[in-house]
Amino acid sequence: MGVESELLSIGELARASGLTVSALRFYDRCGVLTPTLVDPVNGYRWYTGAQVAPARLVAGLRRVGMPLAEITAALRLRQEPAQVGRLLDAHLRRLEDGLADARRELSRVRALIYSEENPMTTRIVLSRADLAAAVDAVRFAVGNDPELPVLTGVLLDVESDGLRLVATDRYRMALARTGGQVDGPPVRALLPAAAVDEFRALLGTATQTHAHLTIADGRVSVTVAGAEGGAGAEGGAEGGAGAEASSTVLPYEFTDYRRLLHRPAGAPVRQVPVDVATLRAALRANTPTVTREHEGVPLPVTVLGVDDRNGLRLVDATELAGPDRADLLVGVNGDFLLDALEAAGGPQLVLELDGPIAPLAVRRPGDDDTFSILMPIRL
């Protein structure tokens, strides 16, 4: 009892730290906060006074919902404040993102509730050129599987200060955003691919600066002033005859795409600048590929790697099977990558490679809103 009298029981540590006894047992099983002594006869756990501060740290991180792996890392690095600070900053960003997502979703829920009694209209004035560019950036990722009709359109997600467009076929996802003047509540509408193409054709024939988008009562319409052919809706502030295209929205709930975009805190990411013309030429030439089976069908896979100068390279089957296989290799559908390059536009892009089982992101330099992600193919 002489040694035990200098130690803290699990109940005493619980009171000193703010953790419950069951939480302390859990963190012991996980190897996060292990007792100094466990009585071999009765299994009682005993802790030293020096373990109070780490236990309080764990309690604080637990209260703000930090994941177990990051709590473990923070405890291990607690003598290195800068590194722990980065973990805390990353977790705070994740909490802020979650709160922003919750606010958007609750605004949409309120709009749904109110619209049952009083149908509401949302109008947006946007740059015609920017809206056309946003459509071009996502159209390639629209699905065509009749078994998954929810993926056969483009999501129009109206925010307080603009419009986000999203499309996915499960294997890739494309997003674009354009600012605008919004009059009305936030709303989401799933526009059929055929209507997207009709809208895009209308935007391409216009000569005026702005497009007017209206979402109301299960329909979406776009009006542009100065378009060739057709007349109907007013051209808005720019005046003159305009042309309009409209469509009924698809009656499906689109996937929660925002949840898919949040990178885990502390996750590694490799940003590799690429010259689009060079990469496009390589992909269209005799690109080295490996063959993998997908849903019973042989699929040629383009394998991407990174050289010593942080440049992108294409990896052949011989290297993939060799003993000196590189650590960072990502397998993708080469045709899908070509589509993403074409849609992104611009002579220079950035590829983000998080690892062999993480999505590959294709981004424009300095543009956080318009990008696409490709699901990797297991090598």
Protein backbone atom coordinates (compact mmCIF):
# COMPACT_ATOMS: atom_id res chain seq x y z
CA MET A 1 0.00 0.00 0.00
CA GLY A 2 2.98 2.33 0.29
CA VAL A 3 3.24 2.73 -3.47
CA GLU A 4 -0.51 2.87 -4.00
CA SER A 5 -0.87 5.63 -1.41
CA GLU A 6 1.18 7.88 -3.67
CA LEU A 7 -0.95 7.08 -6.71
CA LEU A 8 -4.37 8.19 -7.84
CA SER A 9 -7.21 5.74 -8.23
CA ILE A 10 -9.21 5.83 -11.45
CA GLY A 11 -12.00 7.64 -9.58
CA GLU A 12 -9.61 10.27 -8.26
CA LEU A 13 -8.17 10.87 -11.72
CA ALA A 14 -11.68 11.11 -13.11
CA ARG A 15 -12.54 13.85 -10.61
CA ALA A 16 -9.26 15.68 -11.22
CA SER A 17 -9.43 15.58 -15.02
CA GLY A 18 -13.10 15.83 -15.92
CA LEU A 19 -13.10 12.45 -17.65
CA THR A 20 -15.54 9.79 -16.55
CA VAL A 21 -14.32 6.48 -15.20
CA SER A 22 -15.69 4.70 -18.27
CA ALA A 23 -13.83 7.16 -20.53
CA LEU A 24 -10.57 6.48 -18.68
CA ARG A 25 -11.11 2.75 -19.16
CA PHE A 26 -11.75 3.34 -22.86
CA TYR A 27 -8.57 5.40 -23.29
CA ASP A 28 -6.64 2.70 -21.47
CA ARG A 29 -7.90 0.04 -23.88
CA CYS A 30 -6.96 2.28 -26.81
CA GLY A 31 -3.47 2.93 -25.46
CA VAL A 32 -4.05 6.68 -25.24
CA LEU A 33 -3.87 7.13 -21.47
CA THR A 34 -2.62 4.00 -19.77
CA PRO A 35 -2.39 3.59 -15.98
CA THR A 36 0.99 3.50 -14.29
CA LEU A 37 0.00 0.40 -12.35
CA VAL A 38 -2.69 -2.25 -12.69
CA ASP A 39 -3.23 -4.46 -9.65
CA PRO A 40 -2.74 -8.04 -10.89
CA VAL A 41 -5.24 -9.36 -8.35
CA ASN A 42 -8.24 -7.04 -8.58
CA GLY A 43 -7.47 -5.16 -11.81
CA TYR A 44 -7.63 -1.73 -10.19
CA ARG A 45 -5.98 1.00 -12.24
CA TRP A 46 -3.61 3.49 -10.59
CA TYR A 47 -2.22 6.72 -12.05
CA THR A 48 0.45 9.23 -11.06
CA GLY A 49 -0.10 12.90 -10.39
CA ALA A 50 1.86 13.67 -13.57
CA GLN A 51 -0.97 12.08 -15.58
CA VAL A 52 -3.54 14.64 -14.48
CA ALA A 53 -2.45 17.25 -17.03
CA PRO A 54 -2.50 14.81 -20.01
CA ALA A 55 -5.90 13.55 -18.84
CA ARG A 56 -7.23 17.11 -18.75
CA LEU A 57 -5.89 17.64 -22.28
CA VAL A 58 -7.72 14.51 -23.44
CA ALA A 59 -10.90 15.69 -21.70
CA GLY A 60 -10.78 19.05 -23.45
CA LEU A 61 -10.19 17.57 -26.87
CA ARG A 62 -12.93 15.01 -26.27
CA ARG A 63 -15.41 17.79 -25.44
CA VAL A 64 -14.83 19.49 -28.80
CA GLY A 65 -15.24 16.22 -30.70
CA MET A 66 -11.68 15.66 -31.84
CA PRO A 67 -11.24 12.15 -33.33
CA LEU A 68 -9.36 9.55 -31.34
CA ALA A 69 -6.37 9.43 -33.71
CA GLU A 70 -5.85 13.17 -33.40
CA ILE A 71 -6.25 13.11 -29.62
CA THR A 72 -3.53 10.46 -29.57
CA ALA A 73 -1.30 12.62 -31.78
CA ALA A 74 -1.88 15.73 -29.66
CA LEU A 75 -0.99 13.82 -26.51
CA ARG A 76 2.16 12.45 -28.11
CA LEU A 77 3.22 15.89 -29.37
CA ARG A 78 2.19 17.94 -26.32
CA GLN A 79 5.81 19.06 -25.78
CA GLU A 80 5.76 20.55 -29.31
CA PRO A 81 3.15 23.34 -29.16
CA ALA A 82 3.49 24.33 -32.82
CA GLN A 83 2.54 20.87 -34.04
CA VAL A 84 -0.32 20.56 -31.59
CA GLY A 85 -1.47 24.01 -32.70
CA ARG A 86 -1.70 22.80 -36.28
CA LEU A 87 -3.86 19.88 -35.17
CA LEU A 88 -6.14 22.24 -33.26
CA ASP A 89 -6.39 24.64 -36.21
CA ALA A 90 -7.29 21.81 -38.57
CA HIS A 91 -9.99 20.55 -36.21
CA LEU A 92 -11.39 24.03 -35.77
CA ARG A 93 -11.63 24.42 -39.56
CA ARG A 94 -13.51 21.14 -39.71
CA LEU A 95 -15.94 22.33 -37.02
CA GLU A 96 -16.46 25.62 -38.85
CA ASP A 97 -17.09 23.78 -42.12
CA GLY A 98 -19.60 21.56 -40.37
CA LEU A 99 -21.39 24.54 -38.87
CA ALA A 100 -21.53 26.26 -42.26
CA ASP A 101 -22.96 23.09 -43.81
CA ALA A 102 -25.54 22.85 -41.02
CA ARG A 103 -26.60 26.46 -41.52
CA ARG A 104 -27.04 25.92 -45.26
CA GLU A 105 -29.04 22.74 -44.71
CA LEU A 106 -31.29 24.32 -42.09
CA SER A 107 -31.93 27.29 -44.39
CA ARG A 108 -32.98 24.84 -47.08
CA VAL A 109 -35.20 22.97 -44.61
CA ARG A 110 -36.89 26.22 -43.59
CA ALA A 111 -37.48 27.07 -47.24
CA LEU A 112 -39.02 23.63 -47.80
CA ILE A 113 -41.35 24.08 -44.81
CA TYR A 114 -42.44 27.57 -45.80
CA SER A 115 -42.89 26.65 -49.45
CA GLU A 116 -45.52 24.06 -48.55
CA GLU A 117 -47.85 26.89 -47.56
CA ASN A 118 -46.43 29.71 -49.66
CA PRO A 119 -44.48 28.61 -52.74
CA MET A 120 -41.36 30.75 -52.97
CA THR A 121 -39.33 31.96 -55.92
CA THR A 122 -35.58 32.44 -56.04
CA ARG A 123 -34.09 34.66 -58.73
CA ILE A 124 -30.42 35.08 -59.49
CA VAL A 125 -28.65 37.52 -61.78
CA LEU A 126 -25.33 36.10 -62.96
CA SER A 127 -22.59 36.79 -65.42
CA ARG A 128 -23.62 35.03 -68.61
CA ALA A 129 -20.03 34.10 -69.44
CA ASP A 130 -19.34 32.82 -65.92
CA LEU A 131 -22.48 30.70 -65.90
CA ALA A 132 -21.56 29.22 -69.28
CA ALA A 133 -18.05 28.45 -68.02
CA ALA A 134 -19.47 26.80 -64.90
CA VAL A 135 -21.69 24.56 -67.02
CA ASP A 136 -18.71 23.62 -69.19
CA ALA A 137 -16.68 22.75 -66.10
CA VAL A 138 -19.17 20.16 -64.79
CA ARG A 139 -21.10 18.81 -67.78
CA PHE A 140 -18.62 15.98 -68.48
CA ALA A 141 -19.26 14.34 -65.10
CA VAL A 142 -23.02 13.85 -65.55
CA GLY A 143 -24.03 10.18 -65.31
CA ASN A 144 -26.07 8.29 -67.89
CA ASP A 145 -26.99 5.14 -65.98
CA PRO A 146 -30.79 4.67 -66.16
CA GLU A 147 -30.59 2.71 -62.92
CA LEU A 148 -29.30 5.86 -61.17
CA PRO A 149 -31.52 8.68 -62.47
CA VAL A 150 -30.46 10.98 -59.60
CA LEU A 151 -27.04 11.23 -61.26
CA THR A 152 -28.35 12.11 -64.73
CA GLY A 153 -28.48 15.84 -64.11
CA VAL A 154 -26.61 18.83 -62.75
CA LEU A 155 -27.36 20.11 -59.28
CA LEU A 156 -27.99 23.84 -59.01
CA ASP A 157 -27.26 24.77 -55.40
CA VAL A 158 -28.20 28.39 -54.75
CA GLU A 159 -26.32 30.05 -51.90
CA SER A 160 -26.74 33.51 -50.44
CA ASP A 161 -24.27 35.07 -52.85
CA GLY A 162 -24.13 32.82 -55.87
CA LEU A 163 -24.70 29.48 -57.51
CA ARG A 164 -22.79 26.22 -57.27
CA LEU A 165 -23.08 23.53 -59.95
CA VAL A 166 -22.32 19.88 -59.18
CA ALA A 167 -22.37 16.72 -61.28
CA THR A 168 -21.24 13.16 -60.63
CA ASP A 169 -21.51 9.70 -62.14
CA ARG A 170 -20.07 7.97 -59.00
CA TYR A 171 -16.61 7.64 -60.57
CA ARG A 172 -15.91 11.36 -60.84
CA MET A 173 -17.40 14.58 -59.54
CA ALA A 174 -17.13 18.10 -60.92
CA LEU A 175 -17.93 21.36 -59.14
CA ALA A 176 -18.03 24.98 -60.22
CA ARG A 177 -19.25 28.18 -58.66
CA THR A 178 -20.20 31.61 -59.89
CA GLY A 179 -21.19 34.64 -57.86
CA GLY A 180 -24.47 36.42 -58.41
CA GLN A 181 -27.19 38.64 -56.99
CA VAL A 182 -29.66 36.36 -55.22
CA ASP A 183 -33.24 37.35 -54.46
CA GLY A 184 -34.99 34.63 -52.49
CA PRO A 185 -34.19 31.74 -50.18
CA PRO A 186 -31.42 29.19 -50.73
CA VAL A 187 -32.70 26.35 -52.89
CA ARG A 188 -31.43 23.27 -54.69
CA ALA A 189 -32.69 22.05 -58.05
CA LEU A 190 -31.60 19.03 -60.08
CA LEU A 191 -31.64 19.95 -63.74
CA PRO A 192 -31.84 17.18 -66.39
CA ALA A 193 -28.82 16.87 -68.69
CA ALA A 194 -30.88 17.70 -71.77
CA ALA A 195 -32.04 20.94 -70.14
CA VAL A 196 -28.46 21.75 -69.13
CA ASP A 197 -27.43 21.45 -72.77
CA GLU A 198 -30.34 23.64 -73.87
CA PHE A 199 -29.44 26.27 -71.31
CA ARG A 200 -25.80 26.18 -72.42
CA ALA A 201 -26.75 26.68 -76.06
CA LEU A 202 -28.85 29.67 -75.09
CA LEU A 203 -26.01 31.19 -73.08
CA GLY A 204 -23.68 30.76 -76.04
CA THR A 205 -25.87 32.76 -78.41
CA ALA A 206 -26.37 35.76 -76.14
CA THR A 207 -24.60 39.08 -76.58
CA GLN A 208 -25.54 40.70 -73.28
CA THR A 209 -23.56 40.50 -70.06
CA HIS A 210 -26.03 38.91 -67.67
CA ALA A 211 -28.24 35.87 -67.41
CA HIS A 212 -31.33 35.66 -65.20
CA LEU A 213 -32.04 32.35 -63.49
CA THR A 214 -35.37 31.64 -61.81
CA ILE A 215 -36.23 28.63 -59.66
CA ALA A 216 -39.85 28.27 -58.61
CA ASP A 217 -42.50 25.59 -58.17
CA GLY A 218 -40.36 22.73 -59.45
CA ARG A 219 -39.11 24.52 -62.55
CA VAL A 220 -35.92 26.30 -63.57
CA SER A 221 -35.73 28.94 -66.27
CA VAL A 222 -32.90 31.00 -67.67
CA THR A 223 -33.39 34.21 -69.59
CA VAL A 224 -30.79 36.16 -71.52
CA ALA A 225 -31.20 39.44 -73.34
CA GLY A 226 -29.95 39.82 -76.86
CA ALA A 227 -29.95 36.10 -77.71
CA GLU A 228 -30.44 35.12 -81.32
CA GLY A 229 -33.77 33.53 -82.13
CA GLY A 230 -36.84 33.34 -79.96
CA ALA A 231 -38.35 35.93 -77.70
CA GLY A 232 -40.37 35.81 -74.59
CA ALA A 233 -39.17 36.83 -71.18
CA GLU A 234 -38.01 40.33 -70.54
CA GLY A 235 -34.30 40.93 -70.68
CA GLY A 236 -34.21 42.34 -67.17
CA ALA A 237 -32.14 45.41 -66.36
CA GLU A 238 -30.34 45.29 -69.68
CA GLY A 239 -33.62 45.71 -71.53
CA GLY A 240 -34.60 44.50 -74.96
CA ALA A 241 -36.13 41.24 -76.12
CA GLY A 242 -34.72 38.12 -74.60
CA ALA A 243 -34.83 34.39 -75.06
CA GLU A 244 -35.77 31.87 -72.41
CA ALA A 245 -35.32 28.19 -71.80
CA SER A 246 -37.02 26.33 -68.98
CA SER A 247 -37.31 22.84 -67.59
CA THR A 248 -38.98 20.81 -64.88
CA VAL A 249 -36.48 19.69 -62.25
CA LEU A 250 -35.75 16.03 -61.57
CA PRO A 251 -37.67 14.72 -58.53
CA TYR A 252 -34.66 13.28 -56.71
CA GLU A 253 -32.51 14.25 -53.74
CA PHE A 254 -28.92 14.73 -54.86
CA THR A 255 -26.05 13.26 -52.90
CA ASP A 256 -24.63 15.22 -49.96
CA TYR A 257 -21.63 16.36 -51.96
CA ARG A 258 -20.30 18.77 -49.34
CA ARG A 259 -19.58 15.94 -46.93
CA LEU A 260 -17.41 14.31 -49.59
CA LEU A 261 -15.26 17.41 -50.00
CA HIS A 262 -13.98 17.81 -46.45
CA ARG A 263 -10.46 16.41 -46.25
CA PRO A 264 -9.65 14.78 -42.91
CA ALA A 265 -7.62 17.06 -40.69
CA GLY A 266 -3.91 16.48 -41.07
CA ALA A 267 -4.37 14.36 -44.19
CA PRO A 268 -1.33 14.56 -46.48
CA VAL A 269 -1.73 16.09 -49.90
CA ARG A 270 0.74 16.36 -52.76
CA GLN A 271 0.13 19.22 -55.17
CA VAL A 272 1.72 18.58 -58.53
CA PRO A 273 1.69 21.33 -61.20
CA VAL A 274 1.11 20.03 -64.73
CA ASP A 275 1.37 21.46 -68.21
CA VAL A 276 -1.99 20.56 -69.72
CA ALA A 277 -0.82 20.30 -73.34
CA THR A 278 2.04 17.97 -72.41
CA LEU A 279 -0.10 15.72 -70.23
CA ARG A 280 -2.91 15.66 -72.76
CA ALA A 281 -0.50 14.62 -75.50
CA ALA A 282 0.95 11.87 -73.31
CA LEU A 283 -2.49 10.52 -72.44
CA ARG A 284 -3.54 10.47 -76.10
CA ALA A 285 -0.33 8.78 -77.22
CA ASN A 286 0.79 5.29 -76.26
CA THR A 287 0.22 5.87 -72.59
CA PRO A 288 1.59 3.07 -70.41
CA THR A 289 -1.26 1.33 -68.65
CA VAL A 290 -1.97 -1.69 -66.52
CA THR A 291 -5.11 -3.78 -66.74
CA ARG A 292 -7.45 -4.27 -63.84
CA GLU A 293 -10.84 -5.92 -63.71
CA HIS A 294 -13.83 -3.71 -62.92
CA GLU A 295 -17.28 -5.29 -62.54
CA GLY A 296 -16.06 -8.27 -64.55
CA VAL A 297 -14.69 -6.18 -67.42
CA PRO A 298 -10.96 -5.61 -68.14
CA LEU A 299 -10.17 -1.93 -67.65
CA PRO A 300 -6.98 -0.14 -68.78
CA VAL A 301 -5.67 1.94 -65.90
CA THR A 302 -3.36 4.93 -66.22
CA VAL A 303 -0.92 5.05 -63.31
CA LEU A 304 0.35 8.43 -62.12
CA GLY A 305 3.46 8.96 -60.06
CA VAL A 306 5.59 11.86 -58.87
CA ASP A 307 9.27 12.28 -59.71
CA ASP A 308 12.04 13.73 -57.53
CA ARG A 309 11.29 17.25 -58.76
CA ASN A 310 7.59 17.05 -57.87
CA GLY A 311 6.69 16.52 -61.50
CA LEU A 312 3.99 14.19 -62.76
CA ARG A 313 5.02 11.04 -64.58
CA LEU A 314 3.23 8.08 -66.13
CA VAL A 315 4.20 4.72 -64.67
CA ASP A 316 4.30 1.54 -66.74
CA ALA A 317 3.38 -1.99 -65.73
CA THR A 318 7.04 -3.07 -65.41
CA GLU A 319 7.79 -0.48 -62.75
CA LEU A 320 4.52 -1.20 -60.98
CA ALA A 321 5.47 -4.85 -60.59
CA GLY A 322 9.13 -4.20 -59.73
CA PRO A 323 10.75 -4.39 -56.30
CA ASP A 324 11.36 -0.61 -56.11
CA ARG A 325 7.74 0.41 -56.51
CA ALA A 326 7.24 4.07 -55.65
CA ASP A 327 5.23 4.98 -52.57
CA LEU A 328 2.87 7.51 -54.19
CA LEU A 329 1.12 5.92 -57.15
CA VAL A 330 -2.48 6.61 -58.17
CA GLY A 331 -4.44 4.62 -60.73
CA VAL A 332 -7.13 6.44 -62.73
CA ASN A 333 -9.22 6.08 -65.84
CA GLY A 334 -7.13 7.88 -68.46
CA ASP A 335 -10.17 8.93 -70.50
CA PHE A 336 -11.77 10.43 -67.40
CA LEU A 337 -8.58 12.37 -66.69
CA LEU A 338 -8.60 13.71 -70.25
CA ASP A 339 -12.21 14.84 -69.79
CA ALA A 340 -11.26 16.62 -66.56
CA LEU A 341 -8.35 18.40 -68.22
CA GLU A 342 -10.54 19.57 -71.10
CA ALA A 343 -13.27 20.80 -68.75
CA ALA A 344 -10.89 22.66 -66.43
CA GLY A 345 -9.37 24.69 -69.25
CA GLY A 346 -6.22 26.75 -69.00
CA PRO A 347 -2.64 25.84 -69.87
CA GLN A 348 -1.59 25.01 -66.29
CA LEU A 349 -3.42 22.95 -63.70
CA VAL A 350 -2.65 21.35 -60.35
CA LEU A 351 -3.24 17.70 -59.53
CA GLU A 352 -3.73 16.81 -55.88
CA LEU A 353 -2.63 13.29 -55.00
CA ASP A 354 -3.52 12.23 -51.46
CA GLY A 355 -2.55 8.58 -51.89
CA PRO A 356 -3.48 5.40 -53.74
CA ILE A 357 -6.99 5.11 -52.27
CA ALA A 358 -7.90 8.80 -52.09
CA PRO A 359 -9.61 10.75 -54.89
CA LEU A 360 -7.43 12.62 -57.38
CA ALA A 361 -8.34 16.32 -57.59
CA VAL A 362 -7.84 18.42 -60.73
CA ARG A 363 -7.74 22.12 -59.90
CA ARG A 364 -7.10 25.46 -61.50
CA PRO A 365 -4.29 27.34 -59.74
CA GLY A 366 -5.74 29.79 -57.24
CA ASP A 367 -9.35 28.65 -57.77
CA ASP A 368 -10.88 26.82 -54.81
CA ASP A 369 -14.40 26.71 -56.25
CA THR A 370 -14.01 25.00 -59.63
CA PHE A 371 -12.42 21.57 -59.70
CA SER A 372 -13.10 17.90 -60.32
CA ILE A 373 -12.22 14.74 -58.45
CA LEU A 374 -11.64 11.28 -59.93
CA MET A 375 -12.06 8.13 -57.90
CA PRO A 376 -8.88 6.04 -57.89
CA ILE A 377 -8.67 2.50 -59.23
CA ARG A 378 -6.99 0.08 -56.86
CA LEU A 379 -3.63 -1.05 -58.25
